[in-house]
């Protein structure tokens, strides 16, 4: 999976150092079907003030619905997604889009509750407010999203699907 992730980054012209390649995180959420639900992460910096990552998605791969709640009296993570390569279908709280372009993984419909669709193409970005349910999916060729956010505390994320282990 790491090699496939690096190949996608190479296609997009994103160069990683050897240590970054060695630290690619594969998040399969304990579900056992990474190419359907999961994502790959390259974390460049994550400290007590800010975080910068690249989120790599295989074709039609979905990051499950979740939110970033307040932690230890601090607001939850606020993040800006900027599409670098491919197409990303982002779903957030708000008025439901009548016909979304993303495909909810089969049998998981009850865990994907937000359907306000935002389509991001290269160079487009969207900021997700703190404590907001969201999920996202890559288009046909996959996608790379740069995430710029407040401190990331992935272990505190709340997923709609109770079967997810983070």
C-alpha atoms as a PDB file:
ATOM      1  CA  UNK A   1       0.000   0.000   0.000  1.00  0.00           C
ATOM      2  CA  UNK A   2       2.849   2.376   0.746  1.00  0.00           C
ATOM      3  CA  UNK A   3       4.293   1.843  -2.742  1.00  0.00           C
ATOM      4  CA  UNK A   4       0.914   2.533  -4.343  1.00  0.00           C
ATOM      5  CA  UNK A   5       0.619   5.702  -2.222  1.00  0.00           C
ATOM      6  CA  UNK A   6       4.078   6.891  -3.302  1.00  0.00           C
ATOM      7  CA  UNK A   7       3.197   6.170  -6.960  1.00  0.00           C
ATOM      8  CA  UNK A   8       0.125   8.435  -6.700  1.00  0.00           C
ATOM      9  CA  UNK A   9       2.208  11.181  -5.080  1.00  0.00           C
ATOM     10  CA  UNK A  10       4.797  10.802  -7.872  1.00  0.00           C
ATOM     11  CA  UNK A  11       2.070  11.132 -10.530  1.00  0.00           C
ATOM     12  CA  UNK A  12       1.042  14.401  -8.888  1.00  0.00           C
ATOM     13  CA  UNK A  13       4.635  15.644  -8.805  1.00  0.00           C
ATOM     14  CA  UNK A  14       4.811  15.608  -4.997  1.00  0.00           C
ATOM     15  CA  UNK A  15       8.284  14.622  -3.823  1.00  0.00           C
ATOM     16  CA  UNK A  16       8.789  12.910  -0.471  1.00  0.00           C
ATOM     17  CA  UNK A  17      12.012  12.506   1.441  1.00  0.00           C
ATOM     18  CA  UNK A  18      13.069   8.985   2.419  1.00  0.00           C
ATOM     19  CA  UNK A  19      11.979   9.532   6.064  1.00  0.00           C
ATOM     20  CA  UNK A  20       8.555  10.771   4.853  1.00  0.00           C
ATOM     21  CA  UNK A  21       8.189   7.659   2.684  1.00  0.00           C
ATOM     22  CA  UNK A  22       9.027   5.479   5.683  1.00  0.00           C
ATOM     23  CA  UNK A  23       6.370   7.230   7.792  1.00  0.00           C
ATOM     24  CA  UNK A  24       3.389   7.020   5.430  1.00  0.00           C
ATOM     25  CA  UNK A  25       0.423   6.085   7.607  1.00  0.00           C
ATOM     26  CA  UNK A  26      -2.069   3.556   6.275  1.00  0.00           C
ATOM     27  CA  UNK A  27      -5.435   4.135   7.980  1.00  0.00           C
ATOM     28  CA  UNK A  28      -7.761   1.213   7.376  1.00  0.00           C
ATOM     29  CA  UNK A  29      -9.820   1.930  10.509  1.00  0.00           C
ATOM     30  CA  UNK A  30      -9.989  -1.734  11.530  1.00  0.00           C
ATOM     31  CA  UNK A  31     -12.506  -2.422   8.769  1.00  0.00           C
ATOM     32  CA  UNK A  32     -10.371  -4.695   6.599  1.00  0.00           C
ATOM     33  CA  UNK A  33     -11.264  -3.183   3.215  1.00  0.00           C
ATOM     34  CA  UNK A  34      -8.762  -0.373   2.747  1.00  0.00           C
ATOM     35  CA  UNK A  35      -9.491   0.250  -0.927  1.00  0.00           C
ATOM     36  CA  UNK A  36     -13.148   0.946  -0.058  1.00  0.00           C
ATOM     37  CA  UNK A  37     -12.870   2.749   3.310  1.00  0.00           C
ATOM     38  CA  UNK A  38      -9.547   4.154   4.434  1.00  0.00           C
ATOM     39  CA  UNK A  39      -6.843   6.567   3.398  1.00  0.00           C
ATOM     40  CA  UNK A  40      -3.106   7.101   3.407  1.00  0.00           C
ATOM     41  CA  UNK A  41      -1.510  10.032   5.234  1.00  0.00           C
ATOM     42  CA  UNK A  42       1.783  11.862   5.027  1.00  0.00           C
ATOM     43  CA  UNK A  43       2.185  14.122   8.054  1.00  0.00           C
ATOM     44  CA  UNK A  44       4.704  16.911   7.512  1.00  0.00           C
ATOM     45  CA  UNK A  45       4.181  18.690  10.835  1.00  0.00           C
ATOM     46  CA  UNK A  46       1.803  18.296  13.768  1.00  0.00           C
ATOM     47  CA  UNK A  47       2.503  20.318  16.868  1.00  0.00           C
ATOM     48  CA  UNK A  48       0.567  22.134  19.586  1.00  0.00           C
ATOM     49  CA  UNK A  49      -0.424  24.941  17.190  1.00  0.00           C
ATOM     50  CA  UNK A  50      -0.876  23.564  13.663  1.00  0.00           C
ATOM     51  CA  UNK A  51      -0.738  20.554  11.366  1.00  0.00           C
ATOM     52  CA  UNK A  52       0.050  19.966   7.677  1.00  0.00           C
ATOM     53  CA  UNK A  53      -0.632  16.647   5.938  1.00  0.00           C
ATOM     54  CA  UNK A  54      -1.260  15.156   2.530  1.00  0.00           C
ATOM     55  CA  UNK A  55      -4.192  12.765   2.388  1.00  0.00           C
ATOM     56  CA  UNK A  56      -3.820  10.240  -0.425  1.00  0.00           C
ATOM     57  CA  UNK A  57      -6.894   8.405  -1.676  1.00  0.00           C
ATOM     58  CA  UNK A  58      -6.966   5.490  -4.080  1.00  0.00           C
ATOM     59  CA  UNK A  59      -9.640   5.555  -6.825  1.00  0.00           C
ATOM     60  CA  UNK A  60     -13.109   5.774  -5.202  1.00  0.00           C
ATOM     61  CA  UNK A  61     -11.594   5.248  -1.732  1.00  0.00           C
ATOM     62  CA  UNK A  62     -13.654   6.828   1.062  1.00  0.00           C
ATOM     63  CA  UNK A  63     -12.632   8.327   4.383  1.00  0.00           C
ATOM     64  CA  UNK A  64     -15.578   7.448   6.660  1.00  0.00           C
ATOM     65  CA  UNK A  65     -17.842  10.032   8.273  1.00  0.00           C
ATOM     66  CA  UNK A  66     -16.386  11.588  11.408  1.00  0.00           C
ATOM     67  CA  UNK A  67     -15.961  14.809  13.338  1.00  0.00           C
ATOM     68  CA  UNK A  68     -13.240  16.432  15.420  1.00  0.00           C
ATOM     69  CA  UNK A  69     -14.695  17.231  18.859  1.00  0.00           C
ATOM     70  CA  UNK A  70     -13.274  19.549  21.525  1.00  0.00           C
ATOM     71  CA  UNK A  71     -10.350  17.990  23.425  1.00  0.00           C
ATOM     72  CA  UNK A  72      -9.168  18.978  26.926  1.00  0.00           C
ATOM     73  CA  UNK A  73     -11.092  22.246  26.818  1.00  0.00           C
ATOM     74  CA  UNK A  74      -9.734  23.203  23.385  1.00  0.00           C
ATOM     75  CA  UNK A  75     -11.945  23.417  20.285  1.00  0.00           C
ATOM     76  CA  UNK A  76     -11.889  20.479  17.889  1.00  0.00           C
ATOM     77  CA  UNK A  77      -9.693  20.514  14.823  1.00  0.00           C
ATOM     78  CA  UNK A  78     -10.547  23.057  12.143  1.00  0.00           C
ATOM     79  CA  UNK A  79      -9.161  22.009   8.778  1.00  0.00           C
ATOM     80  CA  UNK A  80      -8.800  23.359   5.275  1.00  0.00           C
ATOM     81  CA  UNK A  81      -8.741  20.797   2.476  1.00  0.00           C
ATOM     82  CA  UNK A  82      -7.001  21.853  -0.732  1.00  0.00           C
ATOM     83  CA  UNK A  83      -7.239  19.459  -3.653  1.00  0.00           C
ATOM     84  CA  UNK A  84      -3.834  18.946  -5.266  1.00  0.00           C
ATOM     85  CA  UNK A  85      -4.593  16.166  -7.731  1.00  0.00           C
ATOM     86  CA  UNK A  86      -7.663  14.268  -8.890  1.00  0.00           C
ATOM     87  CA  UNK A  87     -11.190  15.037  -7.725  1.00  0.00           C
ATOM     88  CA  UNK A  88     -12.512  14.916  -4.171  1.00  0.00           C
ATOM     89  CA  UNK A  89     -16.175  14.633  -3.235  1.00  0.00           C
ATOM     90  CA  UNK A  90     -16.477  16.190   0.223  1.00  0.00           C
ATOM     91  CA  UNK A  91     -19.657  15.880   2.296  1.00  0.00           C
ATOM     92  CA  UNK A  92     -20.391  18.124   5.268  1.00  0.00           C
ATOM     93  CA  UNK A  93     -23.316  19.101   7.439  1.00  0.00           C
ATOM     94  CA  UNK A  94     -25.863  21.304   5.676  1.00  0.00           C
ATOM     95  CA  UNK A  95     -28.666  21.025   3.165  1.00  0.00           C
ATOM     96  CA  UNK A  96     -28.483  17.642   1.436  1.00  0.00           C
ATOM     97  CA  UNK A  97     -27.521  17.634  -2.226  1.00  0.00           C
ATOM     98  CA  UNK A  98     -30.319  15.853  -4.105  1.00  0.00           C
ATOM     99  CA  UNK A  99     -28.058  13.470  -6.065  1.00  0.00           C
ATOM    100  CA  UNK A 100     -24.560  13.116  -4.691  1.00  0.00           C
ATOM    101  CA  UNK A 101     -21.768  11.943  -6.966  1.00  0.00           C
ATOM    102  CA  UNK A 102     -19.967   9.931  -4.317  1.00  0.00           C
ATOM    103  CA  UNK A 103     -20.930   6.322  -3.723  1.00  0.00           C
ATOM    104  CA  UNK A 104     -21.609   5.317  -0.126  1.00  0.00           C
ATOM    105  CA  UNK A 105     -19.956   1.951   0.563  1.00  0.00           C
ATOM    106  CA  UNK A 106     -22.471  -0.872   0.235  1.00  0.00           C
ATOM    107  CA  UNK A 107     -24.165  -1.762   3.501  1.00  0.00           C
ATOM    108  CA  UNK A 108     -22.841   1.370   5.232  1.00  0.00           C
ATOM    109  CA  UNK A 109     -25.662   3.779   4.362  1.00  0.00           C
ATOM    110  CA  UNK A 110     -26.669   4.356   8.006  1.00  0.00           C
ATOM    111  CA  UNK A 111     -23.147   5.585   8.831  1.00  0.00           C
ATOM    112  CA  UNK A 112     -23.018   8.271   6.128  1.00  0.00           C
ATOM    113  CA  UNK A 113     -25.516  10.861   7.314  1.00  0.00           C
ATOM    114  CA  UNK A 114     -24.250  14.156   5.879  1.00  0.00           C
ATOM    115  CA  UNK A 115     -24.807  14.762   2.186  1.00  0.00           C
ATOM    116  CA  UNK A 116     -24.096  18.413   1.475  1.00  0.00           C
ATOM    117  CA  UNK A 117     -21.722  17.917  -1.456  1.00  0.00           C
ATOM    118  CA  UNK A 118     -18.684  20.045  -2.221  1.00  0.00           C
ATOM    119  CA  UNK A 119     -16.628  18.999  -5.240  1.00  0.00           C
ATOM    120  CA  UNK A 120     -12.954  19.923  -5.120  1.00  0.00           C
ATOM    121  CA  UNK A 121     -10.736  19.888  -8.187  1.00  0.00           C
ATOM    122  CA  UNK A 122      -7.035  20.785  -8.221  1.00  0.00           C
ATOM    123  CA  UNK A 123      -6.473  24.251  -6.755  1.00  0.00           C
ATOM    124  CA  UNK A 124      -9.852  24.397  -4.998  1.00  0.00           C
ATOM    125  CA  UNK A 125     -10.220  24.341  -1.247  1.00  0.00           C
ATOM    126  CA  UNK A 126     -12.808  24.256   1.524  1.00  0.00           C
ATOM    127  CA  UNK A 127     -12.539  24.868   5.264  1.00  0.00           C
ATOM    128  CA  UNK A 128     -14.378  22.449   7.543  1.00  0.00           C
ATOM    129  CA  UNK A 129     -15.432  24.075  10.820  1.00  0.00           C
ATOM    130  CA  UNK A 130     -14.595  22.446  14.126  1.00  0.00           C
ATOM    131  CA  UNK A 131     -16.910  19.689  15.414  1.00  0.00           C
ATOM    132  CA  UNK A 132     -18.551  19.235  11.969  1.00  0.00           C
ATOM    133  CA  UNK A 133     -19.449  15.808  10.600  1.00  0.00           C
ATOM    134  CA  UNK A 134     -17.782  15.138   7.257  1.00  0.00           C
ATOM    135  CA  UNK A 135     -16.612  12.374   4.936  1.00  0.00           C
ATOM    136  CA  UNK A 136     -14.908  12.380   1.567  1.00  0.00           C
ATOM    137  CA  UNK A 137     -14.227  10.191  -1.417  1.00  0.00           C
ATOM    138  CA  UNK A 138     -11.796  10.267  -4.330  1.00  0.00           C
ATOM    139  CA  UNK A 139     -12.903  10.342  -7.927  1.00  0.00           C
ATOM    140  CA  UNK A 140     -12.087   7.786 -10.618  1.00  0.00           C
ATOM    141  CA  UNK A 141      -8.287   8.212 -10.625  1.00  0.00           C
ATOM    142  CA  UNK A 142      -7.788   8.844  -6.912  1.00  0.00           C
ATOM    143  CA  UNK A 143      -6.940  12.126  -5.226  1.00  0.00           C
ATOM    144  CA  UNK A 144      -4.465  13.996  -3.093  1.00  0.00           C
ATOM    145  CA  UNK A 145      -5.716  16.541  -0.594  1.00  0.00           C
ATOM    146  CA  UNK A 146      -3.435  18.815   1.385  1.00  0.00           C
ATOM    147  CA  UNK A 147      -4.807  19.394   4.857  1.00  0.00           C
ATOM    148  CA  UNK A 148      -3.889  22.510   6.797  1.00  0.00           C
ATOM    149  CA  UNK A 149      -5.367  22.485  10.285  1.00  0.00           C
ATOM    150  CA  UNK A 150      -5.131  23.208  13.928  1.00  0.00           C
ATOM    151  CA  UNK A 151      -3.443  20.463  15.970  1.00  0.00           C
ATOM    152  CA  UNK A 152      -4.465  16.991  14.847  1.00  0.00           C
ATOM    153  CA  UNK A 153      -5.569  14.536  17.530  1.00  0.00           C
ATOM    154  CA  UNK A 154      -6.725  11.661  15.359  1.00  0.00           C
ATOM    155  CA  UNK A 155      -7.231   9.409  18.367  1.00  0.00           C
ATOM    156  CA  UNK A 156     -10.032  11.752  19.553  1.00  0.00           C
ATOM    157  CA  UNK A 157     -11.981  11.694  16.254  1.00  0.00           C
ATOM    158  CA  UNK A 158     -15.573  10.500  16.597  1.00  0.00           C
ATOM    159  CA  UNK A 159     -16.769   8.226  13.784  1.00  0.00           C
ATOM    160  CA  UNK A 160     -20.413   7.589  12.922  1.00  0.00           C
ATOM    161  CA  UNK A 161     -19.626   3.911  12.299  1.00  0.00           C
ATOM    162  CA  UNK A 162     -19.167   2.231  15.713  1.00  0.00           C
ATOM    163  CA  UNK A 163     -17.062  -0.519  14.078  1.00  0.00           C
ATOM    164  CA  UNK A 164     -14.197   1.875  13.347  1.00  0.00           C
ATOM    165  CA  UNK A 165     -11.006   1.572  15.362  1.00  0.00           C
ATOM    166  CA  UNK A 166      -8.568   4.489  15.168  1.00  0.00           C
END
